[in-house]
């Protein structure tokens, strides 16, 4: 059995949008560029042609990759769950670094969606692994390269 890739609704929507752009805008543009470059004659020394073919290869590869991810995805809409008070995939967690007294808010998402600058952390990150399953007001110990760091879970939201 194929392992399903967890994905939020937003993550799936973003991949579908990228797929539409690749198929409906980028692919036809590349095909036109290849046709135009072919008209310039000798293909061996035609940089535009080789560049367009390379771009086409990348585009087709990305289309296949996105289609595979979407077909193997398990889309999880966390807003449909009643909040059990536990950290789960898709939940938004407010945590406090006990040592530095710094507060952070993270949403746990799929690998494709993770973006640390936007506080979206991968389900496979050490932070997520340390938080999953924990309850409100408990301490999560996260293993980091600099040693273990303790975080207190302040709030768990399914938004």
Protein backbone atom coordinates (compact mmCIF):
# COMPACT_ATOMS: atom_id res chain seq x y z
CA UNK A 1 0.00 0.00 0.00
CA UNK A 2 1.24 3.47 -0.89
CA UNK A 3 1.86 5.83 2.03
CA UNK A 4 -0.40 8.84 1.77
CA UNK A 5 1.17 12.29 1.99
CA UNK A 6 -0.64 14.46 4.56
CA UNK A 7 -1.58 17.86 3.18
CA UNK A 8 -3.73 20.74 4.36
CA UNK A 9 -6.55 22.09 2.21
CA UNK A 10 -4.45 25.21 1.53
CA UNK A 11 -1.45 23.12 0.50
CA UNK A 12 -3.51 21.06 -1.96
CA UNK A 13 -5.07 24.23 -3.40
CA UNK A 14 -1.61 25.76 -3.91
CA UNK A 15 -0.31 22.67 -5.73
CA UNK A 16 -3.43 22.57 -7.97
CA UNK A 17 -2.90 26.24 -8.85
CA UNK A 18 0.76 25.61 -9.74
CA UNK A 19 -0.32 22.63 -11.88
CA UNK A 20 -2.85 24.80 -13.77
CA UNK A 21 -0.18 27.45 -14.46
CA UNK A 22 2.31 24.83 -15.67
CA UNK A 23 -0.21 23.07 -17.94
CA UNK A 24 -2.14 26.07 -19.28
CA UNK A 25 0.46 28.86 -19.40
CA UNK A 26 4.02 27.60 -19.14
CA UNK A 27 3.73 24.41 -21.25
CA UNK A 28 2.16 26.17 -24.30
CA UNK A 29 4.72 29.01 -24.01
CA UNK A 30 7.62 26.51 -24.02
CA UNK A 31 6.17 24.60 -27.00
CA UNK A 32 5.91 27.88 -28.92
CA UNK A 33 9.51 28.78 -27.99
CA UNK A 34 10.75 25.38 -29.23
CA UNK A 35 8.85 25.78 -32.52
CA UNK A 36 10.26 29.28 -32.98
CA UNK A 37 13.82 28.16 -32.18
CA UNK A 38 13.50 25.28 -34.68
CA UNK A 39 12.83 27.80 -37.44
CA UNK A 40 16.30 29.27 -36.88
CA UNK A 41 17.84 26.23 -38.59
CA UNK A 42 20.76 24.15 -37.29
CA UNK A 43 19.69 22.77 -33.90
CA UNK A 44 23.20 21.72 -32.80
CA UNK A 45 24.34 25.31 -32.26
CA UNK A 46 20.96 26.75 -31.34
CA UNK A 47 21.12 27.95 -27.71
CA UNK A 48 17.45 29.08 -27.63
CA UNK A 49 16.33 25.62 -28.75
CA UNK A 50 18.44 23.81 -26.13
CA UNK A 51 17.35 26.23 -23.42
CA UNK A 52 13.67 25.76 -24.31
CA UNK A 53 14.06 21.95 -24.38
CA UNK A 54 15.70 22.06 -20.94
CA UNK A 55 12.86 24.23 -19.61
CA UNK A 56 10.35 21.82 -21.15
CA UNK A 57 12.01 18.88 -19.41
CA UNK A 58 11.91 20.70 -16.05
CA UNK A 59 8.25 21.74 -16.58
CA UNK A 60 7.11 18.20 -17.50
CA UNK A 61 9.02 16.79 -14.53
CA UNK A 62 7.33 19.23 -12.16
CA UNK A 63 3.88 18.44 -13.64
CA UNK A 64 4.48 14.71 -13.02
CA UNK A 65 5.75 15.42 -9.50
CA UNK A 66 2.69 17.53 -8.57
CA UNK A 67 0.25 15.03 -10.10
CA UNK A 68 1.89 12.21 -8.11
CA UNK A 69 1.76 14.21 -4.87
CA UNK A 70 -1.90 15.12 -5.36
CA UNK A 71 -2.88 11.55 -6.26
CA UNK A 72 -1.09 10.22 -3.15
CA UNK A 73 -2.25 12.98 -0.82
CA UNK A 74 -4.50 12.72 2.18
CA UNK A 75 -6.09 16.15 2.47
CA UNK A 76 -6.75 17.00 6.08
CA UNK A 77 -9.04 19.91 6.91
CA UNK A 78 -8.32 20.50 10.59
CA UNK A 79 -11.31 22.89 10.90
CA UNK A 80 -13.62 19.87 10.48
CA UNK A 81 -12.28 18.21 13.66
CA UNK A 82 -13.53 19.01 17.12
CA UNK A 83 -10.59 20.30 19.13
CA UNK A 84 -9.40 17.45 21.34
CA UNK A 85 -6.87 19.70 23.06
CA UNK A 86 -4.08 17.70 21.42
CA UNK A 87 -1.56 18.82 18.84
CA UNK A 88 -2.39 17.13 15.51
CA UNK A 89 -1.46 17.59 11.85
CA UNK A 90 -2.80 20.95 10.68
CA UNK A 91 -3.21 22.44 14.14
CA UNK A 92 -1.80 25.83 15.04
CA UNK A 93 0.22 25.76 18.26
CA UNK A 94 1.35 28.63 20.46
CA UNK A 95 4.42 27.63 22.46
CA UNK A 96 6.74 29.30 24.94
CA UNK A 97 10.48 28.63 25.07
CA UNK A 98 10.89 28.13 28.82
CA UNK A 99 14.53 29.22 28.91
CA UNK A 100 14.35 32.34 26.67
CA UNK A 101 10.72 33.20 27.49
CA UNK A 102 10.09 33.68 23.72
CA UNK A 103 6.69 32.82 22.32
CA UNK A 104 6.16 31.21 18.89
CA UNK A 105 3.10 30.27 16.83
CA UNK A 106 3.45 27.41 14.33
CA UNK A 107 1.09 25.48 12.10
CA UNK A 108 2.03 21.86 11.43
CA UNK A 109 1.76 21.17 7.69
CA UNK A 110 2.97 18.79 4.98
CA UNK A 111 6.53 18.87 3.62
CA UNK A 112 5.54 20.81 0.48
CA UNK A 113 3.82 23.53 2.45
CA UNK A 114 6.44 24.11 5.09
CA UNK A 115 7.82 27.63 5.14
CA UNK A 116 9.61 28.63 8.32
CA UNK A 117 9.32 32.36 7.50
CA UNK A 118 5.53 31.96 7.49
CA UNK A 119 5.58 29.79 10.66
CA UNK A 120 4.51 26.70 8.70
CA UNK A 121 6.56 23.74 9.96
CA UNK A 122 6.78 20.31 8.35
CA UNK A 123 5.11 17.35 10.03
CA UNK A 124 8.52 15.66 9.70
CA UNK A 125 10.52 18.38 11.49
CA UNK A 126 11.94 17.70 14.96
CA UNK A 127 9.72 20.50 16.34
CA UNK A 128 6.53 18.90 14.97
CA UNK A 129 7.54 15.42 16.08
CA UNK A 130 8.07 16.76 19.59
CA UNK A 131 4.69 18.54 19.65
CA UNK A 132 2.37 15.99 18.00
CA UNK A 133 0.06 14.32 20.51
CA UNK A 134 0.88 16.72 23.34
CA UNK A 135 -1.84 18.55 25.29
CA UNK A 136 -2.32 22.14 26.33
CA UNK A 137 -0.16 23.34 29.26
CA UNK A 138 2.27 20.44 28.91
CA UNK A 139 6.01 20.62 28.28
CA UNK A 140 7.44 19.38 24.99
CA UNK A 141 11.16 18.63 24.88
CA UNK A 142 12.54 19.26 21.40
CA UNK A 143 15.91 17.82 20.39
CA UNK A 144 17.97 20.42 18.55
CA UNK A 145 21.59 20.43 17.37
CA UNK A 146 22.32 22.70 20.34
CA UNK A 147 20.73 20.26 22.81
CA UNK A 148 17.25 19.73 24.21
CA UNK A 149 14.93 22.74 24.40
CA UNK A 150 11.80 22.81 26.54
CA UNK A 151 8.62 24.46 25.28
CA UNK A 152 5.36 24.92 27.15
CA UNK A 153 2.27 24.50 24.98
CA UNK A 154 0.10 27.57 25.60
CA UNK A 155 -2.64 27.15 23.01
CA UNK A 156 -3.76 24.59 20.43
CA UNK A 157 -6.09 25.76 17.67
CA UNK A 158 -7.77 23.92 14.82
CA UNK A 159 -8.11 26.88 12.44
